[in-house]
Amino acid sequence: MSKQTQTTDTEIQKVVLVAVEKPNQKATFEYTIEEFKNLAIANNLEVTQVVTQKLDRPVSGTYFGSGKIEELKEVVQATESTLVISNDDLTATQIRNLEKLIGENILVVDRTALILDIFASRAKTKIAKLQVRLAQKQYQLPRLHTSLANELDQQGGAGGGSFTSRGAGETKLELSRRVIEEQISKMKIELKEILANSNTQRKQRDASGIPTVTLVGYTNAGKSTWMNRMIEKYTQSNSSEDKTVFEKDMLFATLDPTVRTLRLPNNRQILLSDTVGFVSNLPHDLIASFNSTLQEAVNADLLVQVVDISDPHYREMMETTEKTLIEIGADKVPMVTVFNKADRASIAFPSREGNTITASAFDSQSQEYFINLIIDKVFGQIEEITLLIPFSKGNIVNEINNSVKVLSQEFENEGTLLKTELTASEKEKYQEFIRLN
C-alpha cells in the first residue's frame, strides 16, 4: 500500500511489477515473470500490469532508463497502483530515486522484500517468526534511509512485519545502524538458544539409527500433501490427524520443519520430514536464517524431490531445487524424484522408471509406488533369511519383531525359528543366527 494510506485486511493493494530482461534470460524470462506474478498474488496483491525493459544490466541509479521510467509513472497513475515491485534487488539509491521519479506516496520495494513479506505472513511458530524477522533486519540494514526500511521496521504483529498490512496509530521509527546491529545480534543469540533444543532432538534421532527421508522441492509442488498421506497411512497412532501438517494450494504454506515416524509395510521405520519450499533466487539472508530448518535436507539419508509435473515450467522448478540444494550443501545426498499431480497433467500414472515415479498424492496405488521407491533406496536389496534364535536371547527375538518384516515364527527345541526379510547390513548383524538349511 502507499506510505500514507491505511487499509483494512480485506482490501487488496494494487501493484505494478517491473523487471529488466537481460540477454542471458531470453529462454527463461517468461517463466521468471510468471513466478514473479505468483509471488505477488501469494502476498494478496493485485497485479495491475508488468513493465519490462531489455537491458544488459539495470541502470545503476534508477533501475530503468529515463524513457521507461516515464512509462512506468503513467502506468502507476492510470492503474491507481500504490506499490511498485522490482524483480531484481534494488539498492537504497535506486529505491529513493524511483520513488522520487514515479510519484508521491508510491512505495518501491524489490523481490527480496516481497518474499520476506510472504514469509512473515506465513510464520506461525516462535522460531519461524524469529528467523524471518532476522532476515528482514539483515535486509534492512543497508537500506536504512529508504521508506522501505521504515515500512518493514514499523510493523508489529505475529507475522514479524509487512509492508502490505498496516494498522492505525503506528509510529515511524528512525533507527540507526548501531541499533539494528544490536537487534540482529540479540536475535541471533535468541535463535541459537532455541535451536539448541532442536539440534539435540536431531542428534537423538540420528543416534536412533532410524533412516531419515526428507521431502524437498519447489514451493507448492505437493510436499505437505505427500507428508500427510504418508502420516495417515503409516502411523500406528489413532491420532494421526493431530500429526498431519498444514497443506494448502499456496506458495510457502509450510515454513517449519515437521518430522514424523512412519512404520512401513516391511515393519521398518523411517523418519519423514517436510521442509520449506524453494523458489528461484531465494534471498540469501532468508536461507541463512532458515539454515537450521534446511539442515533436515543436509542430514537426510534420502531426499525425495517432489515436482509439480502439471506446471509447464516444471523443469525450471527442478533446476531451482537443485541450485538451492547446492547452496545449502545437500547436493551430495542421494535423491529420488516424484513427478506429482499427474492427475492434472493427463499423464498415465502411477509409473516408475528407475529412481523416478509419476504419481498423484491422492491415488492409493501412487502412494504404494511412493513408499516402495523409498524402501528400495533406503533399505536396498532385501533377502529372505531364516534365523534360529536361542530361547536365552529372547531380547533379540523382540528386537527383530519390532524392526524387520517377519514372515513366520515357529518354536523348535533349539530356539525360535524366524523367517525374515533382511537387508545386507541386517544380515551381517544377525549372522550368527542364520540357519543355512
Protein backbone atom coordinates (compact mmCIF):
# COMPACT_ATOMS: atom_id res chain seq x y z
CA MET A 1 0.00 0.00 0.00
CA SER A 2 1.09 3.60 -0.17
CA LYS A 3 3.05 5.07 2.65
CA GLN A 4 0.23 7.40 3.69
CA THR A 5 -2.83 5.24 3.21
CA GLN A 6 -4.36 2.94 5.78
CA THR A 7 -6.28 -0.13 4.64
CA THR A 8 -8.27 -2.92 6.18
CA ASP A 9 -7.29 -6.57 5.99
CA THR A 10 -9.92 -7.17 3.28
CA GLU A 11 -8.57 -4.56 0.84
CA ILE A 12 -6.17 -5.73 -1.84
CA GLN A 13 -3.34 -3.42 -2.77
CA LYS A 14 -2.68 -2.70 -6.43
CA VAL A 15 0.86 -3.26 -7.62
CA VAL A 16 2.89 -2.76 -10.79
CA LEU A 17 5.68 -5.26 -11.30
CA VAL A 18 8.87 -4.19 -13.05
CA ALA A 19 11.68 -6.32 -14.48
CA VAL A 20 14.78 -6.00 -16.63
CA GLU A 21 15.25 -8.69 -19.28
CA LYS A 22 18.96 -9.38 -19.61
CA PRO A 23 20.47 -11.02 -22.72
CA ASN A 24 21.08 -14.33 -20.93
CA GLN A 25 17.44 -14.54 -19.78
CA LYS A 26 15.69 -14.83 -23.15
CA ALA A 27 14.83 -18.51 -22.75
CA THR A 28 13.53 -18.24 -19.17
CA PHE A 29 12.21 -14.69 -18.91
CA GLU A 30 8.56 -15.67 -19.44
CA TYR A 31 8.80 -18.19 -16.61
CA THR A 32 10.58 -15.64 -14.41
CA ILE A 33 7.74 -13.16 -14.85
CA GLU A 34 5.10 -15.83 -14.22
CA GLU A 35 6.83 -16.81 -10.99
CA PHE A 36 7.12 -13.13 -10.04
CA LYS A 37 3.36 -12.65 -10.55
CA ASN A 38 2.60 -15.71 -8.44
CA LEU A 39 4.71 -14.35 -5.59
CA ALA A 40 2.77 -11.07 -5.67
CA ILE A 41 -0.57 -12.90 -5.75
CA ALA A 42 0.60 -15.08 -2.86
CA ASN A 43 1.03 -11.88 -0.86
CA ASN A 44 -2.56 -10.84 -1.55
CA LEU A 45 -1.59 -8.19 -4.10
CA GLU A 46 -3.45 -7.31 -7.29
CA VAL A 47 -1.04 -7.15 -10.21
CA THR A 48 -2.32 -4.39 -12.49
CA GLN A 49 0.50 -4.50 -15.03
CA VAL A 50 4.03 -5.75 -15.67
CA VAL A 51 6.51 -3.25 -17.12
CA THR A 52 9.73 -4.67 -18.59
CA GLN A 53 12.79 -3.34 -20.38
CA LYS A 54 15.57 -5.13 -22.24
CA LEU A 55 18.94 -4.03 -20.88
CA ASP A 56 22.38 -5.57 -20.46
CA ARG A 57 22.06 -4.69 -16.78
CA PRO A 58 19.78 -2.48 -14.64
CA VAL A 59 20.63 1.23 -14.67
CA SER A 60 22.77 1.86 -11.56
CA GLY A 61 20.88 4.86 -10.24
CA THR A 62 17.30 4.29 -11.40
CA TYR A 63 16.99 0.62 -12.45
CA PHE A 64 15.13 1.58 -15.67
CA GLY A 65 16.14 4.08 -18.34
CA SER A 66 14.56 7.52 -18.24
CA GLY A 67 12.02 6.81 -21.01
CA LYS A 68 10.84 3.60 -19.37
CA ILE A 69 10.50 5.39 -16.01
CA GLU A 70 8.13 7.89 -17.64
CA GLU A 71 6.11 4.96 -18.99
CA LEU A 72 6.10 3.37 -15.53
CA LYS A 73 4.90 6.60 -13.96
CA GLU A 74 1.98 6.76 -16.41
CA VAL A 75 1.08 3.10 -15.76
CA VAL A 76 1.10 3.63 -11.99
CA GLN A 77 -1.19 6.65 -12.29
CA ALA A 78 -3.54 5.00 -14.81
CA THR A 79 -3.97 1.84 -12.74
CA GLU A 80 -4.15 3.71 -9.41
CA SER A 81 -1.42 1.44 -8.08
CA THR A 82 0.33 2.35 -4.85
CA LEU A 83 3.18 -0.15 -4.92
CA VAL A 84 5.95 -0.96 -7.40
CA ILE A 85 7.98 -4.16 -7.02
CA SER A 86 11.19 -4.90 -8.89
CA ASN A 87 12.17 -8.44 -9.86
CA ASP A 88 15.82 -7.59 -9.13
CA ASP A 89 17.30 -6.50 -5.82
CA LEU A 90 17.36 -2.70 -5.54
CA THR A 91 19.97 -0.54 -3.84
CA ALA A 92 18.98 2.18 -1.42
CA THR A 93 19.81 4.75 -4.10
CA GLN A 94 17.61 3.08 -6.70
CA ILE A 95 14.69 2.89 -4.27
CA ARG A 96 14.94 6.59 -3.32
CA ASN A 97 15.33 7.73 -6.94
CA LEU A 98 12.47 5.61 -8.24
CA GLU A 99 10.09 6.83 -5.54
CA LYS A 100 11.06 10.42 -6.34
CA LEU A 101 10.59 9.94 -10.09
CA ILE A 102 7.44 7.81 -10.08
CA GLY A 103 5.41 9.99 -7.75
CA GLU A 104 4.44 10.88 -4.22
CA ASN A 105 3.04 8.17 -1.95
CA ILE A 106 4.28 5.34 -4.17
CA LEU A 107 6.25 2.71 -2.30
CA VAL A 108 9.03 0.92 -4.20
CA VAL A 109 10.29 -2.47 -2.99
CA ASP A 110 12.05 -5.43 -4.58
CA ARG A 111 11.57 -9.17 -4.96
CA THR A 112 13.57 -9.97 -1.82
CA ALA A 113 11.35 -7.69 0.29
CA LEU A 114 8.30 -9.35 -1.26
CA ILE A 115 9.49 -12.85 -0.36
CA LEU A 116 10.40 -11.75 3.15
CA ASP A 117 6.92 -10.27 3.48
CA ILE A 118 5.31 -13.55 2.37
CA PHE A 119 7.40 -15.48 4.88
CA ALA A 120 6.42 -13.01 7.60
CA SER A 121 2.73 -13.60 6.92
CA ARG A 122 3.18 -17.40 6.89
CA ALA A 123 5.32 -17.70 10.03
CA LYS A 124 3.35 -19.30 12.86
CA THR A 125 5.82 -20.61 15.41
CA LYS A 126 8.23 -18.60 17.53
CA ILE A 127 11.27 -19.92 15.71
CA ALA A 128 9.83 -19.20 12.25
CA LYS A 129 8.86 -15.66 13.25
CA LEU A 130 12.32 -15.04 14.66
CA GLN A 131 14.05 -16.43 11.58
CA VAL A 132 12.00 -14.20 9.28
CA ARG A 133 12.48 -11.13 11.44
CA LEU A 134 16.23 -11.69 11.49
CA ALA A 135 16.30 -11.93 7.70
CA GLN A 136 14.24 -8.74 7.44
CA LYS A 137 16.62 -6.85 9.71
CA GLN A 138 19.67 -8.04 7.79
CA TYR A 139 17.99 -6.96 4.57
CA GLN A 140 17.00 -3.63 6.07
CA LEU A 141 20.48 -2.71 7.33
CA PRO A 142 21.95 -1.41 4.04
CA ARG A 143 18.66 0.33 3.17
CA LEU A 144 18.25 2.42 6.31
CA HIS A 145 17.47 5.68 4.58
CA THR A 146 14.64 4.43 2.40
CA SER A 147 10.91 4.37 3.01
CA LEU A 148 11.04 0.59 2.73
CA ALA A 149 13.23 0.38 5.83
CA ASN A 150 10.65 2.32 7.78
CA GLU A 151 7.82 0.23 6.37
CA LEU A 152 9.46 -3.03 7.35
CA ASP A 153 10.52 -1.82 10.76
CA GLN A 154 7.32 -0.17 11.95
CA GLN A 155 5.22 -3.28 11.52
CA GLY A 156 4.45 -5.36 14.58
CA GLY A 157 2.20 -8.36 14.99
CA ALA A 158 2.65 -12.09 14.80
CA GLY A 159 4.00 -12.18 11.29
CA GLY A 160 7.09 -10.17 12.06
CA GLY A 161 6.30 -7.24 9.79
CA SER A 162 4.69 -6.46 6.46
CA PHE A 163 4.55 -3.59 4.02
CA THR A 164 1.14 -4.75 2.81
CA SER A 165 -0.83 -4.60 6.06
CA ARG A 166 -0.89 -1.68 8.44
CA GLY A 167 -3.00 -0.73 11.43
CA ALA A 168 -3.82 2.67 12.83
CA GLY A 169 -1.69 4.51 15.35
CA GLU A 170 1.70 3.37 14.06
CA THR A 171 4.78 5.49 14.51
CA LYS A 172 7.68 5.86 12.06
CA LEU A 173 10.95 4.86 13.68
CA GLU A 174 14.31 6.29 12.65
CA LEU A 175 16.67 3.51 13.62
CA SER A 176 20.40 3.93 13.46
CA ARG A 177 22.72 1.29 12.10
CA ARG A 178 24.01 0.64 15.61
CA VAL A 179 20.52 -0.07 16.94
CA ILE A 180 19.70 -2.50 14.12
CA GLU A 181 23.03 -4.27 14.51
CA GLU A 182 22.27 -4.72 18.21
CA GLN A 183 18.85 -6.12 17.33
CA ILE A 184 20.42 -8.55 14.87
CA SER A 185 22.93 -9.65 17.48
CA LYS A 186 20.22 -10.28 20.06
CA MET A 187 18.08 -12.19 17.55
CA LYS A 188 20.99 -14.44 16.62
CA ILE A 189 21.61 -15.23 20.29
CA GLU A 190 17.93 -15.97 20.90
CA LEU A 191 17.76 -18.09 17.76
CA LYS A 192 20.84 -20.03 18.79
CA GLU A 193 19.26 -20.83 22.16
CA ILE A 194 16.03 -22.01 20.57
CA LEU A 195 17.87 -24.10 18.02
CA ALA A 196 19.98 -25.81 20.66
CA ASN A 197 16.98 -27.91 21.66
CA SER A 198 16.20 -28.72 18.01
CA ASN A 199 19.78 -29.81 17.41
CA THR A 200 19.62 -32.06 20.47
CA GLN A 201 16.48 -33.67 19.11
CA ARG A 202 18.13 -34.16 15.72
CA LYS A 203 21.16 -35.84 17.33
CA GLN A 204 18.85 -38.15 19.26
CA ARG A 205 17.12 -39.10 16.01
CA ASP A 206 20.46 -39.74 14.34
CA ALA A 207 21.55 -41.91 17.26
CA SER A 208 18.38 -43.99 16.96
CA GLY A 209 19.64 -45.45 13.69
CA ILE A 210 16.27 -44.84 12.00
CA PRO A 211 16.81 -43.58 8.42
CA THR A 212 15.69 -40.04 7.65
CA VAL A 213 13.86 -39.18 4.43
CA THR A 214 13.31 -35.52 3.60
CA LEU A 215 10.86 -34.04 1.11
CA VAL A 216 12.27 -31.16 -0.93
CA GLY A 217 11.13 -29.20 -3.95
CA TYR A 218 9.69 -26.03 -5.34
CA THR A 219 7.07 -24.38 -3.18
CA ASN A 220 3.54 -25.67 -3.72
CA ALA A 221 4.71 -28.83 -5.50
CA GLY A 222 2.77 -31.01 -3.06
CA LYS A 223 5.32 -31.92 -0.37
CA SER A 224 2.93 -31.37 2.53
CA THR A 225 0.22 -33.34 0.73
CA TRP A 226 2.55 -36.34 0.39
CA MET A 227 3.62 -35.89 4.00
CA ASN A 228 0.03 -36.07 5.21
CA ARG A 229 -0.90 -39.06 3.05
CA MET A 230 2.06 -40.99 4.45
CA ILE A 231 1.21 -39.97 8.02
CA GLU A 232 -2.37 -41.14 7.56
CA LYS A 233 -1.28 -44.44 6.06
CA TYR A 234 1.77 -45.40 8.07
CA THR A 235 1.38 -44.06 11.60
CA GLN A 236 0.07 -46.51 14.16
CA SER A 237 -1.41 -43.87 16.47
CA ASN A 238 -5.14 -43.32 16.43
CA SER A 239 -4.47 -39.59 16.48
CA SER A 240 -2.74 -39.35 13.10
CA GLU A 241 -4.90 -36.31 12.29
CA ASP A 242 -3.13 -34.44 15.08
CA LYS A 243 0.20 -35.24 13.47
CA THR A 244 -0.59 -34.01 9.96
CA VAL A 245 0.88 -30.77 8.65
CA PHE A 246 -0.82 -27.73 7.18
CA GLU A 247 -1.47 -28.12 3.46
CA LYS A 248 -2.98 -25.58 1.10
CA ASP A 249 -2.69 -24.65 -2.57
CA MET A 250 -0.49 -21.64 -1.90
CA LEU A 251 3.16 -20.64 -2.03
CA PHE A 252 5.18 -21.24 1.15
CA ALA A 253 2.25 -22.80 3.03
CA THR A 254 4.70 -24.56 5.38
CA LEU A 255 7.75 -22.88 6.93
CA ASP A 256 8.50 -25.08 9.91
CA PRO A 257 10.19 -28.46 9.54
CA THR A 258 7.99 -31.38 10.51
CA VAL A 259 9.37 -34.82 11.38
CA ARG A 260 7.16 -37.88 11.78
CA THR A 261 7.96 -41.54 12.45
CA LEU A 262 6.42 -43.94 9.95
CA ARG A 263 6.24 -47.73 10.24
CA LEU A 264 6.39 -49.16 6.74
CA PRO A 265 4.82 -52.34 5.30
CA ASN A 266 8.15 -54.16 5.79
CA ASN A 267 7.88 -53.34 9.52
CA ARG A 268 10.81 -50.94 9.32
CA GLN A 269 10.70 -47.35 10.46
CA ILE A 270 11.74 -44.13 8.78
CA LEU A 271 11.68 -40.52 9.88
CA LEU A 272 9.89 -38.47 7.22
CA SER A 273 10.43 -34.71 7.26
CA ASP A 274 8.95 -31.82 5.31
CA THR A 275 10.91 -28.65 4.51
CA VAL A 276 10.24 -25.09 3.43
CA GLY A 277 9.60 -24.87 -0.30
CA PHE A 278 12.11 -23.39 -2.69
CA VAL A 279 11.74 -20.59 -5.22
CA SER A 280 14.26 -19.14 -7.63
CA ASN A 281 16.58 -16.52 -6.16
CA LEU A 282 15.52 -17.30 -2.60
CA PRO A 283 17.05 -14.43 -0.57
CA HIS A 284 20.46 -15.31 0.88
CA ASP A 285 19.58 -13.75 4.25
CA LEU A 286 16.50 -15.96 4.36
CA ILE A 287 18.50 -19.09 3.55
CA ALA A 288 20.97 -18.15 6.28
CA SER A 289 18.19 -17.55 8.80
CA PHE A 290 16.44 -20.81 7.91
CA ASN A 291 19.69 -22.75 7.86
CA SER A 292 18.64 -24.97 10.77
CA THR A 293 15.36 -25.77 9.04
CA LEU A 294 17.18 -26.67 5.83
CA GLN A 295 19.60 -28.89 7.76
CA GLU A 296 16.86 -31.53 7.65
CA ALA A 297 17.78 -31.90 3.97
CA VAL A 298 21.53 -31.78 4.54
CA ASN A 299 21.44 -34.53 7.19
CA ALA A 300 18.95 -36.81 5.44
CA ASP A 301 19.70 -40.34 4.25
CA LEU A 302 17.48 -39.75 1.23
CA LEU A 303 15.92 -36.72 -0.44
CA VAL A 304 12.60 -37.01 -2.26
CA GLN A 305 12.25 -34.21 -4.79
CA VAL A 306 8.55 -33.52 -5.34
CA VAL A 307 7.83 -31.90 -8.72
CA ASP A 308 4.53 -30.49 -9.98
CA ILE A 309 4.54 -32.07 -13.43
CA SER A 310 1.26 -30.31 -14.32
CA ASP A 311 3.11 -26.98 -14.34
CA PRO A 312 4.55 -26.18 -17.80
CA HIS A 313 7.67 -24.78 -16.12
CA TYR A 314 8.38 -27.84 -14.01
CA ARG A 315 11.88 -28.27 -15.45
CA GLU A 316 12.84 -24.76 -14.38
CA MET A 317 11.43 -25.58 -10.93
CA MET A 318 13.65 -28.67 -10.77
CA GLU A 319 16.65 -26.50 -11.62
CA THR A 320 15.68 -24.14 -8.81
CA THR A 321 15.54 -27.05 -6.35
CA GLU A 322 18.90 -28.40 -7.46
CA LYS A 323 20.57 -24.97 -7.24
CA THR A 324 19.18 -24.45 -3.73
CA LEU A 325 20.37 -27.90 -2.63
CA ILE A 326 23.86 -27.00 -3.83
CA GLU A 327 23.70 -23.70 -1.95
CA ILE A 328 22.79 -25.36 1.35
CA GLY A 329 25.27 -28.22 0.88
CA ALA A 330 22.73 -31.01 0.34
CA ASP A 331 23.61 -31.85 -3.26
CA LYS A 332 25.59 -34.97 -2.28
CA VAL A 333 22.62 -36.62 -0.51
CA PRO A 334 21.02 -39.44 -2.59
CA MET A 335 17.79 -38.26 -4.22
CA VAL A 336 14.77 -39.73 -5.96
CA THR A 337 12.14 -37.78 -7.88
CA VAL A 338 8.35 -37.86 -7.68
CA PHE A 339 6.54 -36.22 -10.59
CA ASN A 340 3.43 -35.24 -8.67
CA LYS A 341 -0.03 -34.02 -9.77
CA ALA A 342 -0.03 -36.36 -12.77
CA ASP A 343 -3.82 -36.42 -12.45
CA ARG A 344 -3.83 -32.77 -13.55
CA ALA A 345 -1.44 -33.32 -16.45
CA SER A 346 -3.27 -36.01 -18.46
CA ILE A 347 -0.34 -38.37 -17.93
CA ALA A 348 -0.66 -42.09 -17.25
CA PHE A 349 0.08 -42.89 -13.62
CA PRO A 350 1.36 -44.39 -11.46
CA SER A 351 4.52 -45.48 -13.20
CA ARG A 352 8.13 -45.95 -12.25
CA GLU A 353 11.38 -45.66 -14.15
CA GLY A 354 14.49 -46.23 -12.06
CA ASN A 355 14.59 -43.66 -9.27
CA THR A 356 11.65 -41.69 -10.64
CA ILE A 357 7.91 -42.19 -10.29
CA THR A 358 4.99 -40.38 -11.88
CA ALA A 359 2.10 -40.21 -9.45
CA SER A 360 -0.67 -38.37 -7.68
CA ALA A 361 -0.58 -37.99 -3.91
CA PHE A 362 -4.31 -38.70 -3.68
CA ASP A 363 -4.11 -42.03 -5.54
CA SER A 364 -3.70 -45.10 -3.32
CA GLN A 365 -1.67 -47.04 -5.89
CA SER A 366 0.60 -44.00 -6.32
CA GLN A 367 1.14 -43.99 -2.58
CA GLU A 368 2.34 -47.61 -2.78
CA TYR A 369 4.75 -46.70 -5.58
CA PHE A 370 5.98 -43.80 -3.46
CA ILE A 371 6.69 -45.83 -0.34
CA ASN A 372 8.20 -48.75 -2.30
CA LEU A 373 10.60 -46.34 -4.00
CA ILE A 374 11.71 -45.12 -0.58
CA ILE A 375 12.06 -48.67 0.76
CA ASP A 376 14.21 -49.69 -2.22
CA LYS A 377 16.52 -46.70 -1.88
CA VAL A 378 16.81 -46.60 1.91
CA PHE A 379 16.99 -50.31 2.69
CA GLY A 380 18.47 -51.62 -0.54
CA GLN A 381 18.31 -55.25 -1.60
CA ILE A 382 16.24 -57.33 0.81
CA GLU A 383 16.75 -61.09 1.10
CA GLU A 384 14.58 -63.76 2.72
CA ILE A 385 16.61 -65.22 5.61
CA THR A 386 15.80 -67.87 8.23
CA LEU A 387 17.10 -67.22 11.76
CA LEU A 388 17.24 -69.56 14.73
CA ILE A 389 17.38 -67.58 17.98
CA PRO A 390 18.18 -69.44 21.25
CA PHE A 391 15.48 -69.11 23.91
CA SER A 392 18.08 -67.41 26.12
CA LYS A 393 18.16 -64.48 23.69
CA GLY A 394 14.51 -63.50 23.77
CA ASN A 395 15.52 -59.85 23.54
CA ILE A 396 16.85 -60.49 20.03
CA VAL A 397 13.52 -62.00 19.00
CA ASN A 398 11.71 -58.90 20.29
CA GLU A 399 14.19 -56.63 18.50
CA ILE A 400 13.67 -58.43 15.19
CA ASN A 401 9.88 -58.43 15.52
CA ASN A 402 9.94 -54.69 16.13
CA SER A 403 12.37 -53.71 13.38
CA VAL A 404 12.12 -56.02 10.36
CA LYS A 405 9.46 -57.92 8.47
CA VAL A 406 8.87 -61.39 9.97
CA LEU A 407 7.20 -63.81 7.56
CA SER A 408 6.68 -66.62 10.07
CA GLN A 409 7.63 -67.64 13.62
CA GLU A 410 7.90 -71.19 14.95
CA PHE A 411 9.37 -72.81 18.05
CA GLU A 412 11.89 -75.65 17.90
CA ASN A 413 13.91 -77.43 20.56
CA GLU A 414 16.92 -75.16 19.98
CA GLY A 415 15.00 -71.91 19.98
CA THR A 416 12.72 -69.58 17.98
CA LEU A 417 12.74 -70.06 14.20
CA LEU A 418 12.07 -66.83 12.30
CA LYS A 419 11.64 -66.40 8.58
CA THR A 420 12.53 -62.77 7.91
CA GLU A 421 13.39 -60.24 5.21
CA LEU A 422 16.76 -58.64 5.90
CA THR A 423 18.92 -56.01 4.27
CA ALA A 424 22.63 -56.69 3.73
CA SER A 425 23.56 -54.80 6.91
CA GLU A 426 20.89 -56.61 8.94
CA LYS A 427 22.07 -59.96 7.57
CA GLU A 428 25.56 -59.14 8.79
CA LYS A 429 24.20 -58.04 12.18
CA TYR A 430 22.35 -61.32 12.76
CA GLN A 431 24.95 -63.53 11.02
CA GLU A 432 25.44 -65.85 13.99
CA PHE A 433 21.74 -66.80 14.00
CA ILE A 434 21.36 -67.56 10.29
CA ARG A 435 20.11 -71.09 9.63
CA LEU A 436 21.51 -72.37 6.34
CA ASN A 437 19.26 -75.36 5.74
